[in-house]
């Protein structure tokens, strides 16, 4: 009987993974760093730096020595968190084609609580979620126009787990 209880406890810890729920709850979203279970891709939230910014959060997608920049903002009705990751997009007056060519990912992003409930990603001062789901991230990333030039490695998944709180 004790062996079965021990194995159940070990299984529960393995399923919980490296997400440190207590740390996630103590971390503001603008300092949260997430990673995929496979470990390749990391998503780091950064301070926006302006109260007037239209974006809710700035982010960096990190892969080895490659850094892609992006942002999270709210969509129109129905209100959702939208994540956009870019690779050296031009500034100023640009066309839709220009933006499409430098967009690595754009899609809905969801915060997932310890209870499994989904919601919007918190603003910069809000509490970091233990998990993030980037809807369609894996298939979009593998087919993005920017990926044709970048040859980003796979496997990649839609799921990111909280790893740490930046200083």
C-alpha atoms as a PDB file:
ATOM      1  CA  UNK A   1       0.000   0.000   0.000  1.00  0.00           C
ATOM      2  CA  UNK A   2       2.788   2.483   0.937  1.00  0.00           C
ATOM      3  CA  UNK A   3       4.576   1.784  -2.351  1.00  0.00           C
ATOM      4  CA  UNK A   4       1.427   2.679  -4.335  1.00  0.00           C
ATOM      5  CA  UNK A   5       0.989   5.947  -2.404  1.00  0.00           C
ATOM      6  CA  UNK A   6       4.656   6.812  -3.013  1.00  0.00           C
ATOM      7  CA  UNK A   7       4.312   6.111  -6.750  1.00  0.00           C
ATOM      8  CA  UNK A   8       1.156   8.252  -6.922  1.00  0.00           C
ATOM      9  CA  UNK A   9       2.994  11.128  -5.217  1.00  0.00           C
ATOM     10  CA  UNK A  10       5.956  10.836  -7.601  1.00  0.00           C
ATOM     11  CA  UNK A  11       3.581  10.738 -10.584  1.00  0.00           C
ATOM     12  CA  UNK A  12       1.810  13.864  -9.338  1.00  0.00           C
ATOM     13  CA  UNK A  13       5.130  15.702  -8.993  1.00  0.00           C
ATOM     14  CA  UNK A  14       6.198  14.652 -12.481  1.00  0.00           C
ATOM     15  CA  UNK A  15       2.910  15.838 -13.970  1.00  0.00           C
ATOM     16  CA  UNK A  16       3.188  19.129 -12.125  1.00  0.00           C
ATOM     17  CA  UNK A  17       6.505  19.679 -13.878  1.00  0.00           C
ATOM     18  CA  UNK A  18       8.886  22.509 -13.150  1.00  0.00           C
ATOM     19  CA  UNK A  19       6.172  25.136 -12.729  1.00  0.00           C
ATOM     20  CA  UNK A  20       6.677  26.701  -9.363  1.00  0.00           C
ATOM     21  CA  UNK A  21       3.121  27.824  -8.559  1.00  0.00           C
ATOM     22  CA  UNK A  22       4.036  29.707  -5.397  1.00  0.00           C
ATOM     23  CA  UNK A  23       6.705  31.624  -7.279  1.00  0.00           C
ATOM     24  CA  UNK A  24       4.366  32.366 -10.201  1.00  0.00           C
ATOM     25  CA  UNK A  25       1.805  33.858  -7.826  1.00  0.00           C
ATOM     26  CA  UNK A  26       4.497  36.078  -6.295  1.00  0.00           C
ATOM     27  CA  UNK A  27       5.823  37.333  -9.646  1.00  0.00           C
ATOM     28  CA  UNK A  28       4.404  40.292 -11.595  1.00  0.00           C
ATOM     29  CA  UNK A  29       3.614  39.406 -15.209  1.00  0.00           C
ATOM     30  CA  UNK A  30       6.162  41.923 -16.542  1.00  0.00           C
ATOM     31  CA  UNK A  31       8.988  39.873 -14.965  1.00  0.00           C
ATOM     32  CA  UNK A  32       7.716  36.344 -15.681  1.00  0.00           C
ATOM     33  CA  UNK A  33       9.799  33.942 -17.741  1.00  0.00           C
ATOM     34  CA  UNK A  34       8.216  30.831 -19.266  1.00  0.00           C
ATOM     35  CA  UNK A  35       9.684  27.835 -21.089  1.00  0.00           C
ATOM     36  CA  UNK A  36       8.411  24.866 -23.010  1.00  0.00           C
ATOM     37  CA  UNK A  37       8.694  21.411 -21.485  1.00  0.00           C
ATOM     38  CA  UNK A  38      11.188  20.445 -24.200  1.00  0.00           C
ATOM     39  CA  UNK A  39      13.248  23.430 -23.055  1.00  0.00           C
ATOM     40  CA  UNK A  40      14.062  25.007 -26.419  1.00  0.00           C
ATOM     41  CA  UNK A  41      11.836  28.073 -26.521  1.00  0.00           C
ATOM     42  CA  UNK A  42      11.566  30.617 -23.695  1.00  0.00           C
ATOM     43  CA  UNK A  43       9.121  33.519 -23.426  1.00  0.00           C
ATOM     44  CA  UNK A  44      10.272  36.437 -21.264  1.00  0.00           C
ATOM     45  CA  UNK A  45       7.939  39.273 -20.327  1.00  0.00           C
ATOM     46  CA  UNK A  46       9.447  42.760 -20.078  1.00  0.00           C
ATOM     47  CA  UNK A  47       8.243  46.088 -18.639  1.00  0.00           C
ATOM     48  CA  UNK A  48       6.338  48.156 -21.202  1.00  0.00           C
ATOM     49  CA  UNK A  49       8.033  51.378 -20.113  1.00  0.00           C
ATOM     50  CA  UNK A  50       5.082  53.693 -20.764  1.00  0.00           C
ATOM     51  CA  UNK A  51       1.621  54.151 -19.285  1.00  0.00           C
ATOM     52  CA  UNK A  52       0.401  55.377 -22.678  1.00  0.00           C
ATOM     53  CA  UNK A  53       1.401  52.199 -24.551  1.00  0.00           C
ATOM     54  CA  UNK A  54      -1.391  50.380 -26.381  1.00  0.00           C
ATOM     55  CA  UNK A  55       0.193  47.040 -25.521  1.00  0.00           C
ATOM     56  CA  UNK A  56      -0.420  45.265 -22.243  1.00  0.00           C
ATOM     57  CA  UNK A  57       3.008  43.555 -22.132  1.00  0.00           C
ATOM     58  CA  UNK A  58       6.263  43.412 -24.084  1.00  0.00           C
ATOM     59  CA  UNK A  59       7.762  39.977 -24.656  1.00  0.00           C
ATOM     60  CA  UNK A  60      10.865  38.331 -26.025  1.00  0.00           C
ATOM     61  CA  UNK A  61      10.854  34.860 -27.540  1.00  0.00           C
ATOM     62  CA  UNK A  62      14.278  33.373 -26.879  1.00  0.00           C
ATOM     63  CA  UNK A  63      15.849  30.460 -28.694  1.00  0.00           C
ATOM     64  CA  UNK A  64      19.532  29.830 -28.086  1.00  0.00           C
ATOM     65  CA  UNK A  65      21.177  33.111 -29.176  1.00  0.00           C
ATOM     66  CA  UNK A  66      18.175  34.329 -31.188  1.00  0.00           C
ATOM     67  CA  UNK A  67      15.802  36.895 -29.688  1.00  0.00           C
ATOM     68  CA  UNK A  68      12.480  37.839 -31.263  1.00  0.00           C
ATOM     69  CA  UNK A  69      10.533  40.793 -29.878  1.00  0.00           C
ATOM     70  CA  UNK A  70       6.822  41.135 -29.517  1.00  0.00           C
ATOM     71  CA  UNK A  71       3.907  42.284 -27.433  1.00  0.00           C
ATOM     72  CA  UNK A  72       0.624  41.231 -25.870  1.00  0.00           C
ATOM     73  CA  UNK A  73      -2.462  43.381 -26.297  1.00  0.00           C
ATOM     74  CA  UNK A  74      -6.218  42.993 -25.913  1.00  0.00           C
ATOM     75  CA  UNK A  75      -8.380  42.166 -28.914  1.00  0.00           C
ATOM     76  CA  UNK A  76     -11.719  43.718 -29.770  1.00  0.00           C
ATOM     77  CA  UNK A  77     -14.883  41.893 -28.659  1.00  0.00           C
ATOM     78  CA  UNK A  78     -14.679  39.174 -27.588  1.00  0.00           C
ATOM     79  CA  UNK A  79     -11.814  40.453 -25.465  1.00  0.00           C
ATOM     80  CA  UNK A  80      -8.810  38.142 -25.512  1.00  0.00           C
ATOM     81  CA  UNK A  81      -5.045  38.403 -25.158  1.00  0.00           C
ATOM     82  CA  UNK A  82      -3.319  38.543 -28.538  1.00  0.00           C
ATOM     83  CA  UNK A  83       0.395  37.786 -28.783  1.00  0.00           C
ATOM     84  CA  UNK A  84       2.468  39.026 -31.714  1.00  0.00           C
ATOM     85  CA  UNK A  85       6.107  37.950 -32.176  1.00  0.00           C
ATOM     86  CA  UNK A  86       8.173  39.767 -34.808  1.00  0.00           C
ATOM     87  CA  UNK A  87      11.599  39.462 -36.386  1.00  0.00           C
ATOM     88  CA  UNK A  88      13.071  42.866 -37.244  1.00  0.00           C
ATOM     89  CA  UNK A  89       9.851  44.471 -38.491  1.00  0.00           C
ATOM     90  CA  UNK A  90      10.369  47.852 -40.134  1.00  0.00           C
ATOM     91  CA  UNK A  91       9.226  51.028 -38.396  1.00  0.00           C
ATOM     92  CA  UNK A  92       7.030  53.745 -39.851  1.00  0.00           C
ATOM     93  CA  UNK A  93       4.702  53.430 -42.829  1.00  0.00           C
ATOM     94  CA  UNK A  94       4.666  49.727 -43.725  1.00  0.00           C
ATOM     95  CA  UNK A  95       2.366  47.528 -45.761  1.00  0.00           C
ATOM     96  CA  UNK A  96       0.525  44.409 -44.660  1.00  0.00           C
ATOM     97  CA  UNK A  97       2.967  42.406 -46.772  1.00  0.00           C
ATOM     98  CA  UNK A  98       5.905  43.948 -44.888  1.00  0.00           C
ATOM     99  CA  UNK A  99       4.344  42.984 -41.558  1.00  0.00           C
ATOM    100  CA  UNK A 100       3.452  39.483 -42.738  1.00  0.00           C
ATOM    101  CA  UNK A 101       7.026  38.901 -43.876  1.00  0.00           C
ATOM    102  CA  UNK A 102       8.485  39.762 -40.469  1.00  0.00           C
ATOM    103  CA  UNK A 103       5.785  38.197 -38.269  1.00  0.00           C
ATOM    104  CA  UNK A 104       6.887  34.987 -36.626  1.00  0.00           C
ATOM    105  CA  UNK A 105       3.594  34.420 -34.739  1.00  0.00           C
ATOM    106  CA  UNK A 106       0.319  36.207 -34.109  1.00  0.00           C
ATOM    107  CA  UNK A 107      -2.522  34.569 -32.232  1.00  0.00           C
ATOM    108  CA  UNK A 108      -4.543  34.250 -29.060  1.00  0.00           C
ATOM    109  CA  UNK A 109      -2.675  33.605 -25.830  1.00  0.00           C
ATOM    110  CA  UNK A 110      -4.295  32.290 -22.673  1.00  0.00           C
ATOM    111  CA  UNK A 111      -3.238  32.253 -19.032  1.00  0.00           C
ATOM    112  CA  UNK A 112      -4.008  28.913 -17.382  1.00  0.00           C
ATOM    113  CA  UNK A 113      -4.417  28.788 -13.622  1.00  0.00           C
ATOM    114  CA  UNK A 114      -3.611  25.926 -11.284  1.00  0.00           C
ATOM    115  CA  UNK A 115      -7.304  25.046 -11.350  1.00  0.00           C
ATOM    116  CA  UNK A 116      -7.175  24.638 -15.151  1.00  0.00           C
ATOM    117  CA  UNK A 117      -9.260  27.740 -15.803  1.00  0.00           C
ATOM    118  CA  UNK A 118      -8.230  29.875 -18.771  1.00  0.00           C
ATOM    119  CA  UNK A 119      -8.247  33.646 -18.914  1.00  0.00           C
ATOM    120  CA  UNK A 120      -6.454  36.661 -20.256  1.00  0.00           C
ATOM    121  CA  UNK A 121      -2.776  37.261 -19.600  1.00  0.00           C
ATOM    122  CA  UNK A 122      -2.438  39.726 -16.732  1.00  0.00           C
ATOM    123  CA  UNK A 123      -1.224  43.258 -17.278  1.00  0.00           C
ATOM    124  CA  UNK A 124       2.325  44.215 -16.252  1.00  0.00           C
ATOM    125  CA  UNK A 125       1.536  44.551 -12.531  1.00  0.00           C
ATOM    126  CA  UNK A 126      -0.823  41.555 -12.396  1.00  0.00           C
ATOM    127  CA  UNK A 127       0.196  38.159 -11.045  1.00  0.00           C
ATOM    128  CA  UNK A 128       1.955  35.840 -13.474  1.00  0.00           C
ATOM    129  CA  UNK A 129       0.042  32.741 -14.507  1.00  0.00           C
ATOM    130  CA  UNK A 130       1.582  29.314 -13.853  1.00  0.00           C
ATOM    131  CA  UNK A 131       1.011  28.273 -17.486  1.00  0.00           C
ATOM    132  CA  UNK A 132       0.456  29.943 -20.852  1.00  0.00           C
ATOM    133  CA  UNK A 133      -1.215  28.453 -23.928  1.00  0.00           C
ATOM    134  CA  UNK A 134      -0.329  30.110 -27.242  1.00  0.00           C
ATOM    135  CA  UNK A 135      -3.117  28.855 -29.455  1.00  0.00           C
ATOM    136  CA  UNK A 136      -1.705  27.503 -32.715  1.00  0.00           C
ATOM    137  CA  UNK A 137       1.878  28.506 -31.902  1.00  0.00           C
ATOM    138  CA  UNK A 138       3.493  25.233 -33.029  1.00  0.00           C
ATOM    139  CA  UNK A 139       1.899  24.920 -36.470  1.00  0.00           C
ATOM    140  CA  UNK A 140       2.092  28.651 -37.180  1.00  0.00           C
ATOM    141  CA  UNK A 141       5.729  28.867 -36.125  1.00  0.00           C
ATOM    142  CA  UNK A 142       6.698  25.987 -38.373  1.00  0.00           C
ATOM    143  CA  UNK A 143       4.920  27.599 -41.353  1.00  0.00           C
ATOM    144  CA  UNK A 144       5.618  31.311 -40.726  1.00  0.00           C
ATOM    145  CA  UNK A 145       7.154  33.257 -43.632  1.00  0.00           C
ATOM    146  CA  UNK A 146       9.938  34.366 -41.281  1.00  0.00           C
ATOM    147  CA  UNK A 147      10.713  30.714 -40.519  1.00  0.00           C
ATOM    148  CA  UNK A 148      11.577  30.043 -44.160  1.00  0.00           C
ATOM    149  CA  UNK A 149      14.634  32.245 -43.603  1.00  0.00           C
ATOM    150  CA  UNK A 150      15.279  31.375 -39.951  1.00  0.00           C
ATOM    151  CA  UNK A 151      14.856  27.574 -39.998  1.00  0.00           C
ATOM    152  CA  UNK A 152      13.630  27.448 -36.403  1.00  0.00           C
ATOM    153  CA  UNK A 153      14.042  24.029 -34.804  1.00  0.00           C
ATOM    154  CA  UNK A 154      11.187  21.763 -33.947  1.00  0.00           C
ATOM    155  CA  UNK A 155       9.651  20.233 -31.877  1.00  0.00           C
ATOM    156  CA  UNK A 156       7.719  23.126 -30.532  1.00  0.00           C
ATOM    157  CA  UNK A 157       4.461  23.125 -28.584  1.00  0.00           C
ATOM    158  CA  UNK A 158       1.718  25.597 -27.719  1.00  0.00           C
ATOM    159  CA  UNK A 159       2.319  25.246 -23.976  1.00  0.00           C
ATOM    160  CA  UNK A 160       4.702  27.287 -21.810  1.00  0.00           C
ATOM    161  CA  UNK A 161       5.270  26.820 -18.059  1.00  0.00           C
ATOM    162  CA  UNK A 162       6.399  29.467 -15.576  1.00  0.00           C
ATOM    163  CA  UNK A 163      10.108  29.039 -14.800  1.00  0.00           C
ATOM    164  CA  UNK A 164      11.322  32.104 -12.945  1.00  0.00           C
ATOM    165  CA  UNK A 165      10.811  35.711 -12.034  1.00  0.00           C
ATOM    166  CA  UNK A 166      13.406  38.094 -13.506  1.00  0.00           C
ATOM    167  CA  UNK A 167      15.109  40.420 -11.032  1.00  0.00           C
END
